[in-house]
Amino acid sequence: MARFDPAAATAAYLAQLPPEAHAKAQAYTQGGHWLLLWGCLVTLVVASLVLRSGVLPAVRDRLERRWPRPVSTPFILSLIYFAASWALSLPWDIYSRWWRERSYGFSSQSLPAWLGEGVMATAIGAFVGGVFLIALYALIRRAQRVWWAWAGGLTAVFILFILLIQPVLIDPIFNSYTPAPAGPVREAVVEIAKASSVRPDRIFVYDGSKQSNLYTANVAGLFGTARIAMSDVMFQSGADVPEVRGVVGHEMGHYVHLHAVWLTLGYSLIAMLVFWLIDRLFGPAARLLGARGVRGLDDPAGMPVLAALATVLMLAATPAVNTLSRCVEADADTFSLQHVDEPDGLARALVKTIAYRAAAPSWLEETVFYDHPAVARRIRKAMDWKASHNLARR
């Protein structure tokens, strides 16, 4: 028997796509890196326009004449700012999130449908963001010098809250979730779930093709609300049982190892650092952005300054955020290989994701921009696993 060569097997999987497909994937991926920068600049321009208009201080003053320092002020001002930001950013969002996806063949959603979902998402974000800002400005006023430390904890609480309610209250607004249909796929999924002590009734198929043609699955929720969902695109693209097993095993790894909780802890520490820097940089940033009528950091009328600083600082933190994500994604791959033992199924599924995530970036590009390990690296890991564990019977 010829010796199994993981490197050759990896190259064979990558060669399943023609060179032009790899070139298209690279163009899409690297273009997406630039979108981060341009999106940040759009946020800065929008923040400056709102600040220079003076609309938020005017509304603040009117509210304070009726109710001195009303608790609702941050909430009302945040609704105005979210609405203004959505309207001013709309041309950019149409290009970057709708037209570009359609031009690459990753979505067939109409513009009216996309806009409708965008309005709903903005309304939900504005409400949740408004509640968060009520608590944040209360901390700024009361904790003063150490508000940023408490704000990191507040961020963790809100992330966990959103994770808890997302599968129950938010996701069903945009998609329909149904149990995996009876057949070999469902039987395989239920087998994996039972082996991992996961309730099999928490595994769903959703109509993701409404928004995107991308081959994907995800895990969402916490504890009793947690669920694993596979886009119907997986089945439309002809995914076989080993592929589904490999993908579900990966998502099961996120579920079993509580990756959402660990990521929340990491993100809250990053948020704490971001808030600390905002505390130091607010004054100079307000002057640079042309803020009018903003009294200081504890003034809700200055939230565009806070938003602009947070956007710039989170852009700078992209390598740290993505490194945390890559670590848990690698762990989920390991879980799938160890508990499902479908290296070829996982590799076939990974090949289908190359279309929107170039397979072999440089080390620097992967470190800075990739929230998943590079596909070539993940396939090689699966082939190394096959060589060391499955060669005798495959």
Protein backbone atom coordinates (compact mmCIF):
# COMPACT_ATOMS: atom_id res chain seq x y z
CA MET A 1 0.00 0.00 0.00
CA ALA A 2 1.34 3.43 -0.96
CA ARG A 3 2.04 5.67 1.98
CA PHE A 4 -0.58 8.38 2.51
CA ASP A 5 0.89 11.85 1.94
CA PRO A 6 -0.99 14.63 3.83
CA ALA A 7 0.71 17.39 1.81
CA ALA A 8 -0.28 15.81 -1.51
CA ALA A 9 -3.83 15.20 -0.26
CA THR A 10 -4.12 18.83 0.81
CA ALA A 11 -2.88 20.01 -2.59
CA ALA A 12 -5.38 17.71 -4.29
CA TYR A 13 -8.27 19.21 -2.34
CA LEU A 14 -7.18 22.76 -3.14
CA ALA A 15 -6.81 21.80 -6.81
CA GLN A 16 -10.50 20.90 -6.96
CA LEU A 17 -11.07 24.60 -7.68
CA PRO A 18 -9.61 26.00 -10.90
CA PRO A 19 -7.03 28.82 -10.71
CA GLU A 20 -9.58 31.43 -11.74
CA ALA A 21 -11.80 30.46 -8.77
CA HIS A 22 -8.86 30.87 -6.39
CA ALA A 23 -8.06 34.24 -7.98
CA LYS A 24 -11.67 35.38 -7.55
CA ALA A 25 -11.64 34.26 -3.91
CA GLN A 26 -8.43 36.16 -3.29
CA ALA A 27 -9.83 39.32 -4.88
CA TYR A 28 -12.99 39.08 -2.78
CA THR A 29 -11.08 38.39 0.44
CA GLN A 30 -8.47 41.10 0.03
CA GLY A 31 -11.11 43.57 -1.10
CA GLY A 32 -12.88 42.82 2.16
CA HIS A 33 -9.77 43.86 4.07
CA TRP A 34 -9.95 47.28 2.44
CA LEU A 35 -13.64 47.52 3.31
CA LEU A 36 -12.66 47.58 6.98
CA LEU A 37 -10.67 50.76 6.42
CA TRP A 38 -13.22 52.46 4.19
CA GLY A 39 -16.03 51.51 6.57
CA CYS A 40 -14.10 53.09 9.43
CA LEU A 41 -13.69 56.28 7.40
CA VAL A 42 -17.42 56.33 6.63
CA THR A 43 -18.16 56.07 10.37
CA LEU A 44 -15.83 59.00 11.07
CA VAL A 45 -17.44 61.16 8.38
CA VAL A 46 -20.94 60.34 9.63
CA ALA A 47 -19.95 61.09 13.24
CA SER A 48 -18.47 64.42 12.21
CA LEU A 49 -21.56 65.41 10.21
CA VAL A 50 -23.88 64.63 13.12
CA LEU A 51 -21.65 66.46 15.59
CA ARG A 52 -21.33 69.55 13.41
CA SER A 53 -25.09 69.67 12.87
CA GLY A 54 -25.66 70.23 16.60
CA VAL A 55 -28.88 68.20 16.52
CA LEU A 56 -28.04 66.00 19.52
CA PRO A 57 -27.18 68.89 21.91
CA ALA A 58 -30.38 70.66 20.78
CA VAL A 59 -32.51 67.61 21.61
CA ARG A 60 -30.61 67.13 24.88
CA ASP A 61 -31.32 70.71 25.93
CA ARG A 62 -35.00 70.36 25.14
CA LEU A 63 -35.24 67.15 27.16
CA GLU A 64 -33.42 68.70 30.11
CA ARG A 65 -35.74 71.70 30.17
CA ARG A 66 -38.62 69.32 30.72
CA TRP A 67 -36.91 66.73 32.92
CA PRO A 68 -33.55 67.65 34.51
CA ARG A 69 -31.01 64.91 33.62
CA PRO A 70 -33.64 62.38 32.51
CA VAL A 71 -32.51 58.76 32.44
CA SER A 72 -34.08 58.44 29.01
CA THR A 73 -31.78 61.04 27.41
CA PRO A 74 -29.07 58.57 26.29
CA PHE A 75 -31.75 56.27 24.89
CA ILE A 76 -33.55 58.99 22.90
CA LEU A 77 -30.31 60.50 21.60
CA SER A 78 -29.04 57.04 20.61
CA LEU A 79 -32.20 56.41 18.57
CA ILE A 80 -31.64 59.69 16.71
CA TYR A 81 -27.97 58.88 16.14
CA PHE A 82 -28.66 55.32 14.96
CA ALA A 83 -31.28 56.60 12.50
CA ALA A 84 -29.00 59.36 11.21
CA SER A 85 -26.06 56.97 10.89
CA TRP A 86 -28.15 54.43 9.00
CA ALA A 87 -29.44 57.05 6.56
CA LEU A 88 -26.05 58.71 5.97
CA SER A 89 -24.24 55.39 5.62
CA LEU A 90 -26.86 53.81 3.36
CA PRO A 91 -25.09 54.39 0.01
CA TRP A 92 -21.92 52.81 1.38
CA ASP A 93 -23.83 49.90 2.92
CA ILE A 94 -25.69 49.25 -0.31
CA TYR A 95 -22.37 49.00 -2.14
CA SER A 96 -20.40 47.02 0.46
CA ARG A 97 -23.08 44.70 1.83
CA TRP A 98 -25.51 44.23 -1.04
CA TRP A 99 -24.12 45.15 -4.47
CA ARG A 100 -20.68 43.67 -3.85
CA GLU A 101 -22.14 40.37 -2.60
CA ARG A 102 -24.37 40.13 -5.67
CA SER A 103 -21.52 41.03 -8.02
CA TYR A 104 -19.49 38.10 -6.69
CA GLY A 105 -22.49 35.77 -6.94
CA PHE A 106 -22.79 35.33 -3.16
CA SER A 107 -26.34 36.64 -2.89
CA SER A 108 -29.46 36.80 -5.02
CA GLN A 109 -31.46 38.91 -2.57
CA SER A 110 -33.30 41.86 -4.09
CA LEU A 111 -32.53 45.39 -2.95
CA PRO A 112 -36.01 45.94 -1.42
CA ALA A 113 -35.70 42.71 0.58
CA TRP A 114 -32.21 43.67 1.72
CA LEU A 115 -33.38 47.14 2.73
CA GLY A 116 -36.33 45.71 4.63
CA GLU A 117 -34.08 43.43 6.66
CA GLY A 118 -31.65 46.30 7.16
CA VAL A 119 -34.38 48.49 8.65
CA MET A 120 -35.41 45.71 11.04
CA ALA A 121 -31.81 45.03 12.05
CA THR A 122 -31.17 48.73 12.63
CA ALA A 123 -34.32 49.05 14.76
CA ILE A 124 -33.29 46.09 16.90
CA GLY A 125 -29.74 47.39 17.19
CA ALA A 126 -30.96 50.86 18.11
CA PHE A 127 -33.18 49.54 20.89
CA VAL A 128 -30.54 47.24 22.38
CA GLY A 129 -27.81 49.84 21.87
CA GLY A 130 -29.98 52.47 23.57
CA VAL A 131 -30.42 50.29 26.64
CA PHE A 132 -26.67 49.65 26.73
CA LEU A 133 -25.94 53.38 26.48
CA ILE A 134 -28.27 54.18 29.39
CA ALA A 135 -26.16 51.87 31.56
CA LEU A 136 -22.86 53.08 30.07
CA TYR A 137 -23.53 56.78 30.69
CA ALA A 138 -24.71 55.98 34.21
CA LEU A 139 -21.33 54.33 34.82
CA ILE A 140 -19.44 57.27 33.32
CA ARG A 141 -21.24 59.69 35.62
CA ARG A 142 -21.03 57.64 38.80
CA ALA A 143 -17.81 55.62 38.55
CA GLN A 144 -15.89 58.49 36.94
CA ARG A 145 -12.17 57.55 36.97
CA VAL A 146 -12.75 53.77 36.81
CA TRP A 147 -15.88 53.72 34.65
CA TRP A 148 -13.95 52.00 31.86
CA ALA A 149 -13.27 48.94 34.06
CA TRP A 150 -16.94 48.58 34.94
CA ALA A 151 -17.82 49.16 31.29
CA GLY A 152 -15.81 46.07 30.32
CA GLY A 153 -18.00 44.01 32.65
CA LEU A 154 -21.11 45.71 31.30
CA THR A 155 -20.04 44.74 27.78
CA ALA A 156 -19.71 41.09 28.82
CA VAL A 157 -23.19 41.11 30.39
CA PHE A 158 -24.76 42.56 27.25
CA ILE A 159 -22.95 40.15 24.94
CA LEU A 160 -24.13 37.19 27.01
CA PHE A 161 -27.66 38.60 27.09
CA ILE A 162 -27.74 38.97 23.30
CA LEU A 163 -26.35 35.45 22.88
CA LEU A 164 -29.07 34.15 25.19
CA ILE A 165 -31.99 35.77 23.37
CA GLN A 166 -30.68 35.65 19.80
CA PRO A 167 -31.99 32.20 18.79
CA VAL A 168 -35.35 32.80 20.46
CA LEU A 169 -36.21 36.43 19.71
CA ILE A 170 -33.92 37.79 17.00
CA ASP A 171 -33.00 35.10 14.47
CA PRO A 172 -36.62 33.98 13.82
CA ILE A 173 -37.40 37.52 12.63
CA PHE A 174 -35.10 37.05 9.64
CA ASN A 175 -35.19 33.30 8.94
CA SER A 176 -37.25 30.17 9.44
CA TYR A 177 -35.65 27.41 11.51
CA THR A 178 -36.88 23.83 11.22
CA PRO A 179 -35.53 20.53 12.56
CA ALA A 180 -33.26 18.68 10.17
CA PRO A 181 -35.53 16.56 7.93
CA ALA A 182 -35.76 12.81 8.40
CA GLY A 183 -33.18 10.79 6.52
CA PRO A 184 -29.49 9.84 6.63
CA VAL A 185 -28.39 13.42 7.37
CA ARG A 186 -30.67 13.74 10.39
CA GLU A 187 -29.67 10.31 11.65
CA ALA A 188 -26.01 11.27 11.43
CA VAL A 189 -26.62 14.56 13.21
CA VAL A 190 -28.63 12.94 16.00
CA GLU A 191 -25.87 10.37 16.49
CA ILE A 192 -23.27 13.13 16.89
CA ALA A 193 -25.50 15.06 19.25
CA LYS A 194 -26.10 12.09 21.53
CA ALA A 195 -22.40 11.23 21.60
CA SER A 196 -21.60 14.80 22.65
CA SER A 197 -24.40 15.04 25.24
CA VAL A 198 -26.20 17.66 23.17
CA ARG A 199 -29.97 17.63 22.76
CA PRO A 200 -30.64 16.51 19.16
CA ASP A 201 -33.73 18.73 19.00
CA ARG A 202 -31.43 21.78 19.10
CA ILE A 203 -30.08 21.17 15.57
CA PHE A 204 -31.87 23.05 12.78
CA VAL A 205 -31.82 23.86 9.10
CA TYR A 206 -32.60 27.48 8.20
CA ASP A 207 -33.40 29.24 4.92
CA GLY A 208 -30.07 31.08 4.72
CA SER A 209 -30.31 31.14 0.94
CA LYS A 210 -32.74 34.07 1.36
CA GLN A 211 -29.78 36.29 2.18
CA SER A 212 -26.68 34.51 0.96
CA ASN A 213 -25.45 31.73 -1.30
CA LEU A 214 -22.55 30.98 1.05
CA TYR A 215 -21.98 27.48 2.39
CA THR A 216 -22.20 27.92 6.15
CA ALA A 217 -23.41 26.74 9.53
CA ASN A 218 -23.36 28.35 12.95
CA VAL A 219 -23.93 27.90 16.64
CA ALA A 220 -25.89 30.51 18.60
CA GLY A 221 -27.41 30.93 22.03
CA LEU A 222 -26.40 29.87 25.50
CA PHE A 223 -27.41 27.02 27.74
CA GLY A 224 -31.12 26.32 27.22
CA THR A 225 -31.41 28.55 24.15
CA ALA A 226 -28.29 27.24 22.37
CA ARG A 227 -28.79 25.69 18.96
CA ILE A 228 -26.78 24.57 15.95
CA ALA A 229 -28.08 25.72 12.56
CA MET A 230 -27.11 24.68 9.05
CA SER A 231 -27.96 26.88 6.08
CA ASP A 232 -30.06 25.21 3.40
CA VAL A 233 -27.25 26.19 1.02
CA MET A 234 -25.31 23.23 2.43
CA PHE A 235 -27.92 20.85 1.08
CA GLN A 236 -28.53 22.73 -2.17
CA SER A 237 -24.80 22.41 -2.90
CA GLY A 238 -24.97 18.63 -2.57
CA ALA A 239 -23.38 18.13 0.84
CA ASP A 240 -23.04 14.43 1.61
CA VAL A 241 -23.34 12.80 5.03
CA PRO A 242 -19.58 12.87 5.83
CA GLU A 243 -19.51 16.60 5.02
CA VAL A 244 -22.48 17.30 7.24
CA ARG A 245 -20.94 15.20 9.99
CA GLY A 246 -17.67 17.10 9.74
CA VAL A 247 -19.38 20.51 9.80
CA VAL A 248 -21.82 19.63 12.60
CA GLY A 249 -18.94 18.16 14.59
CA HIS A 250 -17.16 21.50 14.28
CA GLU A 251 -20.22 23.46 15.44
CA MET A 252 -20.74 20.92 18.22
CA GLY A 253 -17.24 21.76 19.41
CA HIS A 254 -18.27 25.40 19.83
CA TYR A 255 -21.33 24.26 21.76
CA VAL A 256 -19.66 21.74 24.06
CA HIS A 257 -16.57 23.84 24.84
CA LEU A 258 -18.64 27.00 25.54
CA HIS A 259 -16.60 29.02 23.10
CA ALA A 260 -19.14 31.85 23.18
CA VAL A 261 -18.47 32.35 26.89
CA TRP A 262 -14.69 32.31 26.44
CA LEU A 263 -14.90 34.74 23.54
CA THR A 264 -17.11 37.03 25.58
CA LEU A 265 -14.49 37.10 28.32
CA GLY A 266 -11.78 37.96 25.81
CA TYR A 267 -13.89 40.61 24.09
CA SER A 268 -14.77 42.23 27.42
CA LEU A 269 -11.06 42.61 28.24
CA ILE A 270 -10.46 44.22 24.84
CA ALA A 271 -13.50 46.46 25.43
CA MET A 272 -12.04 47.50 28.78
CA LEU A 273 -8.85 48.65 27.07
CA VAL A 274 -10.86 50.44 24.37
CA PHE A 275 -12.94 52.28 26.98
CA TRP A 276 -9.78 53.25 28.88
CA LEU A 277 -8.35 54.80 25.73
CA ILE A 278 -11.65 56.55 25.00
CA ASP A 279 -11.45 58.11 28.46
CA ARG A 280 -8.06 59.60 27.55
CA LEU A 281 -8.79 60.55 23.94
CA PHE A 282 -12.34 61.90 24.08
CA GLY A 283 -11.42 65.60 24.34
CA PRO A 284 -8.97 65.72 21.42
CA ALA A 285 -11.26 63.55 19.28
CA ALA A 286 -14.25 65.82 19.96
CA ARG A 287 -12.28 68.85 18.81
CA LEU A 288 -10.96 67.02 15.74
CA LEU A 289 -14.46 65.91 14.71
CA GLY A 290 -15.88 69.43 15.16
CA ALA A 291 -18.25 68.65 18.04
CA ARG A 292 -20.63 71.49 18.84
CA GLY A 293 -22.34 71.85 22.23
CA VAL A 294 -20.87 68.66 23.74
CA ARG A 295 -20.07 69.19 27.43
CA GLY A 296 -17.77 66.22 27.96
CA LEU A 297 -17.46 62.48 28.06
CA ASP A 298 -20.50 62.09 30.33
CA ASP A 299 -22.72 64.00 27.89
CA PRO A 300 -24.87 61.66 25.74
CA ALA A 301 -24.80 64.27 22.99
CA GLY A 302 -21.17 63.27 22.50
CA MET A 303 -21.96 59.66 21.63
CA PRO A 304 -20.82 60.16 17.99
CA VAL A 305 -17.35 60.92 19.40
CA LEU A 306 -17.52 57.76 21.49
CA ALA A 307 -18.69 55.75 18.47
CA ALA A 308 -15.93 57.16 16.25
CA LEU A 309 -13.22 56.41 18.80
CA ALA A 310 -14.57 52.91 19.42
CA THR A 311 -14.59 52.21 15.67
CA VAL A 312 -10.98 53.34 15.19
CA LEU A 313 -9.73 51.51 18.28
CA MET A 314 -11.57 48.30 17.39
CA LEU A 315 -10.05 48.49 13.92
CA ALA A 316 -6.63 48.66 15.58
CA ALA A 317 -7.63 45.69 17.75
CA THR A 318 -8.61 43.58 14.72
CA PRO A 319 -5.56 41.27 15.00
CA ALA A 320 -6.31 40.54 18.68
CA VAL A 321 -10.01 39.96 18.07
CA ASN A 322 -9.33 37.69 15.09
CA THR A 323 -6.66 35.75 16.96
CA LEU A 324 -9.17 34.90 19.69
CA SER A 325 -11.62 33.76 17.04
CA ARG A 326 -9.04 31.65 15.18
CA CYS A 327 -8.12 29.88 18.43
CA VAL A 328 -11.67 28.71 19.10
CA GLU A 329 -12.22 27.79 15.44
CA ALA A 330 -9.08 25.63 15.50
CA ASP A 331 -10.32 23.99 18.70
CA ALA A 332 -13.69 23.29 17.06
CA ASP A 333 -11.90 21.60 14.14
CA THR A 334 -9.98 19.45 16.62
CA PHE A 335 -13.23 18.51 18.35
CA SER A 336 -14.78 17.49 15.04
CA LEU A 337 -11.81 15.30 14.12
CA GLN A 338 -11.64 13.70 17.54
CA HIS A 339 -15.34 13.04 18.05
CA VAL A 340 -16.69 12.64 14.51
CA ASP A 341 -13.59 11.36 12.71
CA GLU A 342 -14.51 12.67 9.24
CA PRO A 343 -11.31 14.33 7.97
CA ASP A 344 -12.31 13.99 4.32
CA GLY A 345 -15.85 15.18 4.97
CA LEU A 346 -14.52 18.22 6.81
CA ALA A 347 -12.00 18.88 4.04
CA ARG A 348 -14.68 18.72 1.32
CA ALA A 349 -16.80 21.19 3.28
CA LEU A 350 -13.84 23.52 3.74
CA VAL A 351 -13.13 23.56 0.01
CA LYS A 352 -16.60 25.02 -0.52
CA THR A 353 -15.77 27.96 1.79
CA ILE A 354 -12.77 29.03 -0.30
CA ALA A 355 -15.09 31.07 -2.51
CA TYR A 356 -15.38 33.74 0.20
CA ARG A 357 -12.20 33.10 2.18
CA ALA A 358 -8.99 32.75 0.13
CA ALA A 359 -7.31 29.45 0.95
CA ALA A 360 -3.66 30.33 1.40
CA PRO A 361 -3.00 33.86 2.73
CA SER A 362 0.38 35.00 3.97
CA TRP A 363 1.12 34.59 7.67
CA LEU A 364 0.69 38.34 8.22
CA GLU A 365 -2.61 38.52 6.33
CA GLU A 366 -4.00 35.58 8.26
CA THR A 367 -2.88 37.03 11.61
CA VAL A 368 -4.40 40.44 10.97
CA PHE A 369 -7.55 39.75 8.96
CA TYR A 370 -8.67 36.11 9.27
CA ASP A 371 -11.16 35.16 12.00
CA HIS A 372 -10.79 31.49 10.94
CA PRO A 373 -7.55 29.63 10.29
CA ALA A 374 -6.66 29.57 6.60
CA VAL A 375 -8.50 26.85 4.70
CA ALA A 376 -5.26 25.32 3.42
CA ARG A 377 -4.02 25.02 7.00
CA ARG A 378 -7.30 23.50 8.19
CA ILE A 379 -7.36 20.93 5.39
CA ARG A 380 -3.75 20.01 6.10
CA LYS A 381 -4.66 19.52 9.76
CA ALA A 382 -7.48 17.16 8.72
CA MET A 383 -5.14 15.23 6.41
CA ASP A 384 -2.51 14.97 9.16
CA TRP A 385 -5.21 13.57 11.41
CA LYS A 386 -6.20 11.08 8.72
CA ALA A 387 -2.59 10.00 8.31
CA SER A 388 -2.07 9.40 12.02
CA HIS A 389 -5.45 7.91 12.94
CA ASN A 390 -7.28 6.51 9.93
CA LEU A 391 -4.71 5.29 7.39
CA ALA A 392 -5.13 1.64 8.30
CA ARG A 393 -8.81 1.61 7.36
CA ARG A 394 -9.15 4.27 4.65
